[in-house]
């Protein structure tokens, strides 16, 4: 009898196996299709600005910092993989000691080498596509991680990471900036931290340590603040004890992995900190990411739920004694506060908010209601996308003018490329693009380490200063109204009645010993006579 029962049980087991195996395959196929779909969505979102990057058969980058990064990548490609600890092409002839590090340079150079057999423009294309690829890796990782740990509402998490406008900007086409790499590393570190808080395995501690270590190598500022929040949360859990909230079980040696990564970064790049120039505060007013995002910015990046999320998470933590909810509540609150200080924190807020969504929406009892709440909360996000894709009025005019400036600036820089080597004095925000297109060093730059040269160029265009720096052979004139207003703001002084910028634009007067070598609609280039 027992044998018959066992045989029947075995038969039932085999039958169930035949039924469940196709179900698992279907489940895996469904998750795989979702991962591909959300990754494709993130790439499409990152390419929203493609018309401003690819046109006229050229590749134009998003801003001065992107051009500066590409100059570094070109140096790595030409001179081999190395740490670049001095920029001779900004703040010419003194140069700068930048705090930029090697990981993103190496990634762009590696992508360029991989693309070299297929196109002659491999470096430009690598720089244009590196951030969208990092965005795809971020969204793909979160989607796979969510499926692996069986998170509820994981599709909401992936969707939010793919369509957040601030992440689309950070991962934007033609924007090879270190923030895209930092966003990926933060997503990995955050997923690993959440996995530890959920008790998913001690190996996640090593993943967390490696991600934080590499992030700190890329930049010592934002990751240090974020890691501080994580460590405070861990310390709080230890202080309160397990009876109050479950917390991470980190392996004892994962801090050694973190220290090892920091040591490698120090040996390769060193840690370089430059003092702030007295004009830094006035110059920073021109940098969009150093301004407050405001509540409107938070809503347009994450939707209305970003305000409700910390409250819901704290309520769930109190009700269920879930430490991971406390962790996300603190993190979202801290990052929202930092965004109200500087918009540069928006990338990290969007990642943290997206990863917290499974716990936020998990508080809604009915799935249909949770989906309705989530989709309704995205109304401001949809409005931001409408403004980005279909600009009107002043926003449209500014976008058209920026594109025209980019083309005209390239024309002027190509002329300089054929001239003898010498320093160029130009509007500071155009300087990295001039370096990229011409190979000539510039007095200005877009980093705060270039502020001595930026201030001197502003003084020159306003009509002050004692003349040009040694080795400067070329002066670029630009539409005087913007040059005057920007220079006056950085210098903290009124615009003179007849500035040198205006005189140069009219006739080349206002500075002795100059001869015009190029002019188009927006720029004029003058050669400076050698001193006698």
Protein backbone atom coordinates (compact mmCIF):
# COMPACT_ATOMS: atom_id res chain seq x y z
CA UNK A 1 0.00 0.00 0.00
CA UNK A 2 2.73 2.43 0.96
CA UNK A 3 4.54 1.60 -2.27
CA UNK A 4 1.39 2.36 -4.30
CA UNK A 5 0.96 5.68 -2.51
CA UNK A 6 4.59 6.56 -3.19
CA UNK A 7 4.25 5.69 -6.87
CA UNK A 8 1.11 7.80 -7.16
CA UNK A 9 2.83 10.72 -5.43
CA UNK A 10 5.79 10.39 -7.79
CA UNK A 11 3.40 10.40 -10.75
CA UNK A 12 1.67 13.54 -9.49
CA UNK A 13 5.09 15.14 -8.97
CA UNK A 14 6.16 14.33 -12.52
CA UNK A 15 2.88 15.66 -13.89
CA UNK A 16 3.22 18.91 -11.94
CA UNK A 17 6.77 19.23 -13.18
CA UNK A 18 5.61 19.00 -16.77
CA UNK A 19 3.01 21.69 -16.09
CA UNK A 20 5.27 24.05 -14.11
CA UNK A 21 8.34 23.94 -16.34
CA UNK A 22 6.58 25.66 -19.27
CA UNK A 23 5.16 28.13 -16.75
CA UNK A 24 8.65 29.01 -15.55
CA UNK A 25 9.85 29.40 -19.12
CA UNK A 26 6.94 31.71 -19.83
CA UNK A 27 7.71 33.68 -16.68
CA UNK A 28 11.37 34.06 -17.63
CA UNK A 29 10.42 35.02 -21.17
CA UNK A 30 8.00 37.63 -19.86
CA UNK A 31 10.62 39.12 -17.54
CA UNK A 32 13.17 39.10 -20.35
CA UNK A 33 10.82 40.92 -22.70
CA UNK A 34 10.08 43.47 -19.99
CA UNK A 35 13.80 44.08 -19.41
CA UNK A 36 14.36 44.62 -23.14
CA UNK A 37 11.35 46.94 -23.37
CA UNK A 38 12.31 49.12 -20.42
CA UNK A 39 15.95 49.32 -21.57
CA UNK A 40 14.79 50.38 -25.03
CA UNK A 41 12.55 52.98 -23.40
CA UNK A 42 15.48 54.38 -21.40
CA UNK A 43 17.63 54.66 -24.54
CA UNK A 44 14.82 56.40 -26.40
CA UNK A 45 14.37 58.82 -23.50
CA UNK A 46 18.11 59.54 -23.39
CA UNK A 47 18.06 60.32 -27.13
CA UNK A 48 15.37 63.00 -26.86
CA UNK A 49 17.97 65.61 -27.91
CA UNK A 50 19.37 63.70 -30.91
CA UNK A 51 18.66 66.56 -33.33
CA UNK A 52 20.96 68.81 -31.29
CA UNK A 53 23.76 66.21 -31.25
CA UNK A 54 23.80 64.78 -34.77
CA UNK A 55 23.38 67.29 -37.55
CA UNK A 56 25.37 68.57 -40.50
CA UNK A 57 27.43 65.40 -40.51
CA UNK A 58 29.05 66.35 -37.18
CA UNK A 59 28.70 65.36 -33.52
CA UNK A 60 28.00 68.23 -31.12
CA UNK A 61 28.20 67.69 -27.39
CA UNK A 62 25.80 69.04 -24.82
CA UNK A 63 27.91 71.56 -22.91
CA UNK A 64 31.39 72.80 -22.09
CA UNK A 65 32.02 70.10 -19.48
CA UNK A 66 31.22 67.43 -22.08
CA UNK A 67 33.76 68.90 -24.50
CA UNK A 68 36.32 69.02 -21.69
CA UNK A 69 35.71 65.33 -20.99
CA UNK A 70 36.18 64.54 -24.66
CA UNK A 71 39.51 66.38 -24.73
CA UNK A 72 40.61 64.11 -21.88
CA UNK A 73 39.36 61.02 -23.72
CA UNK A 74 41.29 62.08 -26.81
CA UNK A 75 44.45 62.46 -24.71
CA UNK A 76 43.96 58.92 -23.37
CA UNK A 77 43.43 57.58 -26.89
CA UNK A 78 46.55 59.29 -28.20
CA UNK A 79 48.88 58.76 -25.26
CA UNK A 80 47.62 55.52 -23.75
CA UNK A 81 45.58 54.72 -20.64
CA UNK A 82 46.80 56.97 -17.87
CA UNK A 83 45.68 59.40 -15.22
CA UNK A 84 45.50 62.99 -16.48
CA UNK A 85 46.55 65.16 -13.56
CA UNK A 86 47.13 68.47 -15.34
CA UNK A 87 45.19 70.40 -18.00
CA UNK A 88 47.40 72.68 -20.04
CA UNK A 89 44.53 73.54 -22.37
CA UNK A 90 42.43 75.54 -19.87
CA UNK A 91 43.51 78.54 -17.81
CA UNK A 92 46.35 78.85 -20.36
CA UNK A 93 49.31 79.13 -19.87
CA UNK A 94 49.17 78.25 -16.17
CA UNK A 95 46.87 75.27 -16.64
CA UNK A 96 44.82 73.58 -13.92
CA UNK A 97 45.08 70.62 -11.57
CA UNK A 98 41.62 69.05 -12.13
CA UNK A 99 39.72 66.79 -9.77
CA UNK A 100 38.44 64.79 -12.77
CA UNK A 101 39.40 61.11 -12.55
CA UNK A 102 40.18 58.31 -14.97
CA UNK A 103 37.26 55.78 -14.88
CA UNK A 104 35.00 57.60 -17.35
CA UNK A 105 37.98 58.58 -19.52
CA UNK A 106 38.94 54.91 -19.71
CA UNK A 107 35.37 53.85 -20.49
CA UNK A 108 35.06 56.32 -23.39
CA UNK A 109 38.50 55.35 -24.71
CA UNK A 110 37.56 51.66 -24.47
CA UNK A 111 34.29 52.20 -26.35
CA UNK A 112 36.21 54.20 -28.95
CA UNK A 113 38.73 51.38 -29.45
CA UNK A 114 35.90 48.86 -29.83
CA UNK A 115 34.20 51.02 -32.46
CA UNK A 116 37.40 51.87 -34.38
CA UNK A 117 37.17 48.95 -36.86
CA UNK A 118 33.71 50.11 -37.95
CA UNK A 119 33.92 53.91 -38.21
CA UNK A 120 36.48 56.68 -38.51
CA UNK A 121 34.50 58.77 -36.01
CA UNK A 122 34.80 56.26 -33.23
CA UNK A 123 35.88 58.73 -30.53
CA UNK A 124 33.07 61.20 -31.18
CA UNK A 125 30.47 58.44 -31.32
CA UNK A 126 31.81 56.80 -28.17
CA UNK A 127 31.49 60.11 -26.34
CA UNK A 128 27.99 60.66 -27.68
CA UNK A 129 26.72 57.20 -26.72
CA UNK A 130 28.53 56.48 -23.45
CA UNK A 131 25.88 58.05 -21.21
CA UNK A 132 22.85 56.46 -22.94
CA UNK A 133 24.62 53.10 -22.61
CA UNK A 134 25.21 53.76 -18.90
CA UNK A 135 21.53 54.66 -18.59
CA UNK A 136 20.53 51.42 -20.32
CA UNK A 137 22.82 49.51 -17.94
CA UNK A 138 21.23 51.26 -14.94
CA UNK A 139 17.64 50.53 -15.95
CA UNK A 140 18.49 47.01 -17.09
CA UNK A 141 20.24 46.24 -13.82
CA UNK A 142 17.29 47.49 -11.75
CA UNK A 143 14.84 45.48 -13.86
CA UNK A 144 16.88 42.26 -13.53
CA UNK A 145 17.51 42.83 -9.83
CA UNK A 146 13.83 43.46 -9.17
CA UNK A 147 12.92 40.21 -10.89
CA UNK A 148 15.69 38.27 -9.12
CA UNK A 149 14.59 39.32 -5.63
CA UNK A 150 10.88 39.15 -6.63
CA UNK A 151 10.05 42.72 -5.71
CA UNK A 152 6.42 43.76 -5.95
CA UNK A 153 5.88 46.75 -8.22
CA UNK A 154 9.25 46.21 -9.86
CA UNK A 155 7.85 47.33 -13.18
CA UNK A 156 6.93 50.70 -11.69
CA UNK A 157 10.53 50.99 -10.46
CA UNK A 158 11.98 50.26 -13.90
CA UNK A 159 9.50 52.52 -15.67
CA UNK A 160 10.25 55.42 -13.35
CA UNK A 161 14.00 55.05 -13.85
CA UNK A 162 13.52 54.94 -17.61
CA UNK A 163 11.29 58.01 -18.02
CA UNK A 164 12.44 60.40 -15.28
CA UNK A 165 13.38 63.62 -17.14
CA UNK A 166 16.34 64.32 -14.88
CA UNK A 167 17.76 60.86 -15.51
CA UNK A 168 17.13 61.28 -19.25
CA UNK A 169 19.21 64.46 -18.96
CA UNK A 170 21.96 62.75 -16.97
CA UNK A 171 22.08 59.83 -19.39
CA UNK A 172 21.57 62.14 -22.36
CA UNK A 173 22.99 61.58 -25.82
CA UNK A 174 26.08 63.72 -26.35
CA UNK A 175 26.61 64.28 -22.63
CA UNK A 176 29.70 62.31 -21.54
CA UNK A 177 29.61 63.47 -17.93
CA UNK A 178 30.71 61.60 -14.80
CA UNK A 179 27.21 61.91 -13.32
CA UNK A 180 25.92 59.19 -15.64
CA UNK A 181 28.51 56.76 -14.29
CA UNK A 182 27.76 57.85 -10.72
CA UNK A 183 24.02 57.25 -11.24
CA UNK A 184 24.71 53.66 -12.36
CA UNK A 185 27.01 52.98 -9.41
CA UNK A 186 24.50 54.52 -6.99
CA UNK A 187 21.74 52.29 -8.38
CA UNK A 188 23.92 49.20 -7.89
CA UNK A 189 24.93 50.26 -4.37
CA UNK A 190 21.32 51.05 -3.45
CA UNK A 191 20.02 47.73 -4.74
CA UNK A 192 22.76 45.90 -2.84
CA UNK A 193 21.94 47.83 0.33
CA UNK A 194 18.23 47.06 0.02
CA UNK A 195 19.05 43.38 -0.56
CA UNK A 196 21.09 43.30 2.64
CA UNK A 197 18.30 44.97 4.61
CA UNK A 198 15.93 42.32 3.25
CA UNK A 199 18.32 39.54 4.25
CA UNK A 200 18.90 38.35 0.69
CA UNK A 201 22.48 37.22 1.22
CA UNK A 202 25.80 38.40 2.57
CA UNK A 203 27.36 38.59 -0.90
CA UNK A 204 25.43 41.80 -1.52
CA UNK A 205 27.70 43.48 1.03
CA UNK A 206 30.66 43.02 -1.28
CA UNK A 207 28.67 44.35 -4.25
CA UNK A 208 27.75 47.40 -2.19
CA UNK A 209 31.33 48.01 -1.10
CA UNK A 210 32.70 47.71 -4.65
CA UNK A 211 30.05 50.08 -6.04
CA UNK A 212 30.65 52.69 -3.34
CA UNK A 213 34.42 52.38 -3.74
CA UNK A 214 34.30 52.94 -7.50
CA UNK A 215 31.82 55.80 -7.06
CA UNK A 216 34.18 57.50 -4.60
CA UNK A 217 36.99 57.06 -7.11
CA UNK A 218 34.88 58.82 -9.75
CA UNK A 219 33.99 61.70 -7.41
CA UNK A 220 34.65 62.29 -3.75
CA UNK A 221 31.75 64.70 -3.26
CA UNK A 222 28.27 63.27 -3.95
CA UNK A 223 29.11 59.61 -3.18
CA UNK A 224 30.74 60.59 0.12
CA UNK A 225 27.55 62.36 1.24
CA UNK A 226 25.33 59.48 0.12
CA UNK A 227 27.55 56.85 1.72
CA UNK A 228 27.41 58.89 4.91
CA UNK A 229 23.61 58.63 4.89
CA UNK A 230 23.87 54.85 4.38
CA UNK A 231 26.34 54.42 7.24
CA UNK A 232 24.21 56.56 9.56
CA UNK A 233 21.20 54.37 8.70
CA UNK A 234 23.21 51.24 9.51
CA UNK A 235 24.41 52.76 12.77
CA UNK A 236 20.84 53.71 13.67
CA UNK A 237 19.65 50.18 13.08
CA UNK A 238 22.46 48.81 15.26
CA UNK A 239 21.66 51.33 18.00
CA UNK A 240 17.92 50.59 18.00
CA UNK A 241 18.42 46.85 17.79
CA UNK A 242 16.73 44.10 15.85
CA UNK A 243 13.55 44.23 17.88
CA UNK A 244 12.74 47.66 16.48
CA UNK A 245 13.71 47.19 12.84
CA UNK A 246 15.33 44.58 10.70
CA UNK A 247 18.57 45.73 9.15
CA UNK A 248 21.42 44.73 6.88
CA UNK A 249 23.59 41.75 7.58
CA UNK A 250 26.85 42.94 6.06
CA UNK A 251 29.79 40.55 5.79
CA UNK A 252 32.63 41.53 8.12
CA UNK A 253 35.21 42.05 5.40
CA UNK A 254 33.21 44.13 2.92
CA UNK A 255 34.68 47.33 4.37
CA UNK A 256 38.05 45.97 3.26
CA UNK A 257 36.75 45.86 -0.33
CA UNK A 258 35.71 49.50 0.01
CA UNK A 259 39.12 50.46 1.40
CA UNK A 260 40.83 48.52 -1.39
CA UNK A 261 38.89 50.36 -4.08
CA UNK A 262 39.74 53.68 -2.47
CA UNK A 263 43.40 52.72 -2.35
CA UNK A 264 43.41 51.83 -6.06
CA UNK A 265 41.74 55.13 -6.89
CA UNK A 266 44.27 57.04 -4.80
CA UNK A 267 47.24 55.28 -6.39
CA UNK A 268 45.94 55.82 -9.93
CA UNK A 269 44.49 59.32 -9.69
CA UNK A 270 45.38 60.73 -6.29
CA UNK A 271 43.02 63.08 -4.48
CA UNK A 272 43.21 66.66 -5.65
CA UNK A 273 41.32 69.49 -4.01
CA UNK A 274 41.53 73.00 -5.46
CA UNK A 275 40.79 76.11 -3.38
CA UNK A 276 37.73 78.13 -4.36
CA UNK A 277 38.31 81.41 -6.17
CA UNK A 278 36.80 84.60 -4.64
CA UNK A 279 34.53 84.88 -7.71
CA UNK A 280 33.18 81.34 -7.33
CA UNK A 281 29.79 82.32 -5.90
CA UNK A 282 29.11 84.82 -8.70
CA UNK A 283 30.31 82.38 -11.37
CA UNK A 284 28.19 79.55 -9.91
CA UNK A 285 25.03 81.54 -10.63
CA UNK A 286 25.62 80.69 -14.32
CA UNK A 287 25.69 76.94 -13.64
CA UNK A 288 22.21 75.41 -13.79
CA UNK A 289 22.98 72.40 -11.58
CA UNK A 290 24.22 74.71 -8.81
CA UNK A 291 20.81 76.37 -8.50
CA UNK A 292 17.87 75.17 -6.42
CA UNK A 293 15.54 72.73 -8.17
CA UNK A 294 12.48 73.98 -6.26
CA UNK A 295 9.43 71.86 -5.55
CA UNK A 296 8.41 72.17 -9.18
CA UNK A 297 11.66 70.51 -10.19
CA UNK A 298 11.09 67.60 -7.81
CA UNK A 299 7.59 67.05 -9.20
CA UNK A 300 8.70 67.26 -12.83
CA UNK A 301 11.47 64.70 -12.21
CA UNK A 302 9.65 62.18 -10.01
CA UNK A 303 5.96 63.06 -9.95
CA UNK A 304 3.73 63.98 -7.05
CA UNK A 305 4.44 60.76 -5.14
CA UNK A 306 7.92 62.02 -4.23
CA UNK A 307 6.37 64.13 -1.46
CA UNK A 308 4.09 61.35 -0.20
CA UNK A 309 6.70 58.60 -0.36
CA UNK A 310 8.62 59.41 2.87
CA UNK A 311 5.36 59.56 4.85
CA UNK A 312 4.18 56.22 3.48
CA UNK A 313 7.56 54.62 4.13
CA UNK A 314 7.68 55.86 7.72
CA UNK A 315 4.12 54.62 8.31
CA UNK A 316 5.02 51.18 6.94
CA UNK A 317 8.18 51.07 9.03
CA UNK A 318 6.22 51.87 12.21
CA UNK A 319 3.48 49.37 11.40
CA UNK A 320 5.64 46.51 10.10
CA UNK A 321 8.98 47.26 11.82
CA UNK A 322 10.65 47.22 8.43
CA UNK A 323 14.08 48.80 8.55
CA UNK A 324 14.36 49.05 4.77
CA UNK A 325 11.39 51.44 4.74
CA UNK A 326 13.12 53.68 7.28
CA UNK A 327 16.26 53.61 5.17
CA UNK A 328 14.45 54.72 2.00
CA UNK A 329 12.41 57.34 3.85
CA UNK A 330 15.57 58.97 5.22
CA UNK A 331 17.36 58.74 1.88
CA UNK A 332 14.52 60.31 -0.13
CA UNK A 333 14.08 63.09 2.44
CA UNK A 334 17.79 63.92 2.50
CA UNK A 335 18.08 63.93 -1.28
CA UNK A 336 14.94 66.06 -1.70
CA UNK A 337 16.43 68.57 0.70
CA UNK A 338 19.73 68.56 -1.19
CA UNK A 339 17.85 69.15 -4.47
CA UNK A 340 16.27 72.23 -2.93
CA UNK A 341 19.84 73.41 -2.38
CA UNK A 342 21.45 72.33 -5.67
CA UNK A 343 19.76 70.67 -8.65
CA UNK A 344 22.84 68.44 -9.18
CA UNK A 345 21.38 66.01 -6.62
CA UNK A 346 18.35 65.33 -8.83
CA UNK A 347 19.95 62.34 -10.55
CA UNK A 348 20.39 60.56 -7.22
CA UNK A 349 16.94 61.52 -5.95
CA UNK A 350 15.35 60.03 -9.07
CA UNK A 351 17.27 56.76 -8.63
CA UNK A 352 16.48 56.52 -4.92
CA UNK A 353 12.81 57.34 -5.48
CA UNK A 354 12.51 54.75 -8.26
CA UNK A 355 14.09 52.01 -6.13
CA UNK A 356 11.81 52.91 -3.19
CA UNK A 357 8.61 52.53 -5.26
CA UNK A 358 8.10 48.80 -4.54
CA UNK A 359 7.81 49.66 -0.83
CA UNK A 360 5.79 52.85 -1.40
CA UNK A 361 3.21 51.28 -3.71
CA UNK A 362 3.20 48.11 -1.62
CA UNK A 363 1.24 50.08 0.98
CA UNK A 364 -1.78 50.20 -1.37
CA UNK A 365 -4.05 47.25 -0.70
CA UNK A 366 -5.54 46.88 -4.20
CA UNK A 367 -3.18 46.55 -7.13
CA UNK A 368 -5.45 48.43 -9.52
CA UNK A 369 -5.59 51.35 -7.07
CA UNK A 370 -1.80 51.39 -6.73
CA UNK A 371 -1.39 51.45 -10.51
CA UNK A 372 -3.91 54.29 -10.79
CA UNK A 373 -2.15 56.32 -8.08
CA UNK A 374 1.26 55.80 -9.68
CA UNK A 375 0.15 56.75 -13.17
CA UNK A 376 -1.77 59.81 -11.95
CA UNK A 377 1.29 60.98 -10.01
CA UNK A 378 3.28 61.13 -13.26
CA UNK A 379 1.27 64.08 -14.62
CA UNK A 380 4.05 66.64 -13.92
CA UNK A 381 6.59 64.25 -15.47
CA UNK A 382 4.49 64.13 -18.64
CA UNK A 383 4.32 67.94 -18.61
CA UNK A 384 8.11 68.17 -18.38
CA UNK A 385 8.50 65.80 -21.31
CA UNK A 386 6.10 67.92 -23.33
CA UNK A 387 8.22 71.02 -22.61
CA UNK A 388 11.41 69.14 -23.54
CA UNK A 389 10.11 67.65 -26.78
CA UNK A 390 7.94 70.55 -27.94
CA UNK A 391 9.49 73.80 -26.65
CA UNK A 392 7.72 77.08 -27.23
CA UNK A 393 8.50 80.77 -26.97
CA UNK A 394 11.77 81.66 -25.29
CA UNK A 395 12.74 78.00 -24.78
CA UNK A 396 12.43 77.31 -28.50
CA UNK A 397 14.40 80.44 -29.43
CA UNK A 398 17.16 79.53 -26.97
CA UNK A 399 17.41 76.01 -28.40
CA UNK A 400 17.63 77.32 -31.98
CA UNK A 401 20.25 79.89 -30.98
CA UNK A 402 22.33 77.29 -29.16
CA UNK A 403 22.35 75.07 -32.24
CA UNK A 404 23.33 78.00 -34.45
CA UNK A 405 26.07 78.97 -31.97
CA UNK A 406 27.46 75.42 -32.03
CA UNK A 407 27.76 75.36 -35.82
CA UNK A 408 29.23 78.86 -36.03
CA UNK A 409 31.69 78.16 -33.22
CA UNK A 410 32.92 75.03 -34.97
CA UNK A 411 33.54 77.06 -38.14
CA UNK A 412 35.65 79.54 -36.19
CA UNK A 413 37.52 76.80 -34.32
CA UNK A 414 38.35 74.92 -37.51
CA UNK A 415 40.02 78.10 -38.80
CA UNK A 416 42.09 78.24 -35.61
CA UNK A 417 43.12 74.62 -36.12
CA UNK A 418 45.05 75.66 -39.20
CA UNK A 419 46.82 78.53 -37.44
CA UNK A 420 50.16 78.37 -35.57
CA UNK A 421 49.95 77.10 -32.00
CA UNK A 422 48.97 79.73 -29.48
CA UNK A 423 46.57 80.55 -26.68
CA UNK A 424 43.00 81.65 -27.40
CA UNK A 425 41.02 84.16 -25.36
CA UNK A 426 37.32 83.46 -25.89
CA UNK A 427 34.06 83.56 -23.91
CA UNK A 428 34.70 81.07 -21.13
CA UNK A 429 31.68 78.83 -21.77
CA UNK A 430 32.82 78.26 -25.38
CA UNK A 431 36.45 77.52 -24.48
CA UNK A 432 36.32 73.68 -24.11
CA UNK A 433 34.55 73.38 -27.49
CA UNK A 434 37.25 75.53 -29.08
CA UNK A 435 39.92 73.27 -27.55
CA UNK A 436 38.13 70.18 -28.88
CA UNK A 437 37.62 71.49 -32.43
CA UNK A 438 40.90 73.41 -32.85
CA UNK A 439 43.46 71.79 -30.55
CA UNK A 440 44.46 75.27 -29.34
CA UNK A 441 44.60 75.97 -25.57
CA UNK A 442 42.26 78.57 -24.08
CA UNK A 443 42.51 81.11 -21.27
CA UNK A 444 39.06 80.18 -20.00
CA UNK A 445 37.28 76.92 -19.23
CA UNK A 446 34.11 75.64 -17.58
CA UNK A 447 35.58 74.19 -14.38
CA UNK A 448 35.96 76.21 -11.21
CA UNK A 449 39.71 75.53 -11.40
CA UNK A 450 39.71 77.77 -14.51
CA UNK A 451 38.30 80.74 -12.62
CA UNK A 452 41.55 82.76 -12.73
CA UNK A 453 41.44 82.64 -16.52
CA UNK A 454 37.67 83.16 -16.59
CA UNK A 455 37.95 86.32 -14.49
CA UNK A 456 40.81 87.68 -16.60
CA UNK A 457 38.88 87.07 -19.83
CA UNK A 458 35.85 88.85 -18.35
CA UNK A 459 38.06 91.80 -17.39
CA UNK A 460 39.47 91.88 -20.90
CA UNK A 461 36.06 91.97 -22.58
CA UNK A 462 34.87 94.66 -20.19
CA UNK A 463 37.85 96.85 -21.08
CA UNK A 464 39.96 96.42 -17.97
CA UNK A 465 42.99 94.30 -17.19
CA UNK A 466 46.61 94.84 -18.09
CA UNK A 467 46.49 93.05 -21.43
CA UNK A 468 46.68 89.46 -22.60
CA UNK A 469 48.46 86.61 -20.92
CA UNK A 470 51.81 85.52 -22.34
CA UNK A 471 51.43 83.16 -25.30
CA UNK A 472 47.91 84.29 -26.22
CA UNK A 473 47.78 84.78 -30.01
CA UNK A 474 44.07 84.81 -30.78
CA UNK A 475 41.00 86.64 -29.50
CA UNK A 476 37.43 85.55 -30.25
CA UNK A 477 34.69 88.20 -30.34
CA UNK A 478 31.06 87.26 -29.76
CA UNK A 479 27.69 88.98 -29.60
CA UNK A 480 28.50 91.77 -27.10
CA UNK A 481 25.28 91.97 -25.05
CA UNK A 482 25.66 88.48 -23.60
CA UNK A 483 29.40 88.91 -23.08
CA UNK A 484 28.87 92.18 -21.26
CA UNK A 485 26.10 90.96 -18.98
CA UNK A 486 27.91 87.73 -18.10
CA UNK A 487 31.26 89.44 -17.50
CA UNK A 488 29.66 92.13 -15.36
CA UNK A 489 27.85 89.51 -13.27
CA UNK A 490 31.01 87.46 -12.65
CA UNK A 491 33.11 90.55 -11.86
CA UNK A 492 30.38 92.12 -9.74
CA UNK A 493 30.60 95.49 -11.50
CA UNK A 494 28.45 97.49 -13.93
CA UNK A 495 28.85 97.37 -17.70
CA UNK A 496 31.01 100.27 -18.98
CA UNK A 497 29.64 102.65 -21.56
CA UNK A 498 31.74 101.19 -24.38
CA UNK A 499 33.16 97.79 -23.52
CA UNK A 500 36.04 96.14 -25.36
CA UNK A 501 33.67 93.31 -26.30
CA UNK A 502 31.48 95.80 -28.17
CA UNK A 503 34.40 97.53 -29.84
CA UNK A 504 35.88 94.23 -30.99
CA UNK A 505 32.56 93.16 -32.42
CA UNK A 506 32.07 96.42 -34.31
CA UNK A 507 35.45 96.90 -35.92
CA UNK A 508 38.24 95.18 -34.04
CA UNK A 509 39.10 98.41 -32.28
CA UNK A 510 39.67 98.64 -28.54
CA UNK A 511 42.82 96.56 -28.56
CA UNK A 512 45.96 97.41 -30.50
CA UNK A 513 47.77 94.97 -32.72
CA UNK A 514 44.90 92.76 -33.87
CA UNK A 515 43.98 91.59 -37.34
CA UNK A 516 40.78 89.80 -38.27
CA UNK A 517 41.27 86.31 -39.74
CA UNK A 518 37.69 85.01 -39.68
CA UNK A 519 34.12 86.21 -39.26
CA UNK A 520 30.67 84.67 -39.48
CA UNK A 521 27.27 85.59 -38.12
CA UNK A 522 28.14 85.00 -34.46
CA UNK A 523 31.93 84.99 -34.09
CA UNK A 524 34.97 86.95 -35.18
CA UNK A 525 38.53 85.73 -34.73
CA UNK A 526 41.47 88.12 -34.40
CA UNK A 527 45.18 87.38 -34.52
CA UNK A 528 47.19 89.28 -31.93
CA UNK A 529 50.43 90.84 -33.09
CA UNK A 530 53.63 89.65 -31.40
CA UNK A 531 54.90 92.17 -28.82
CA UNK A 532 57.89 94.18 -30.05
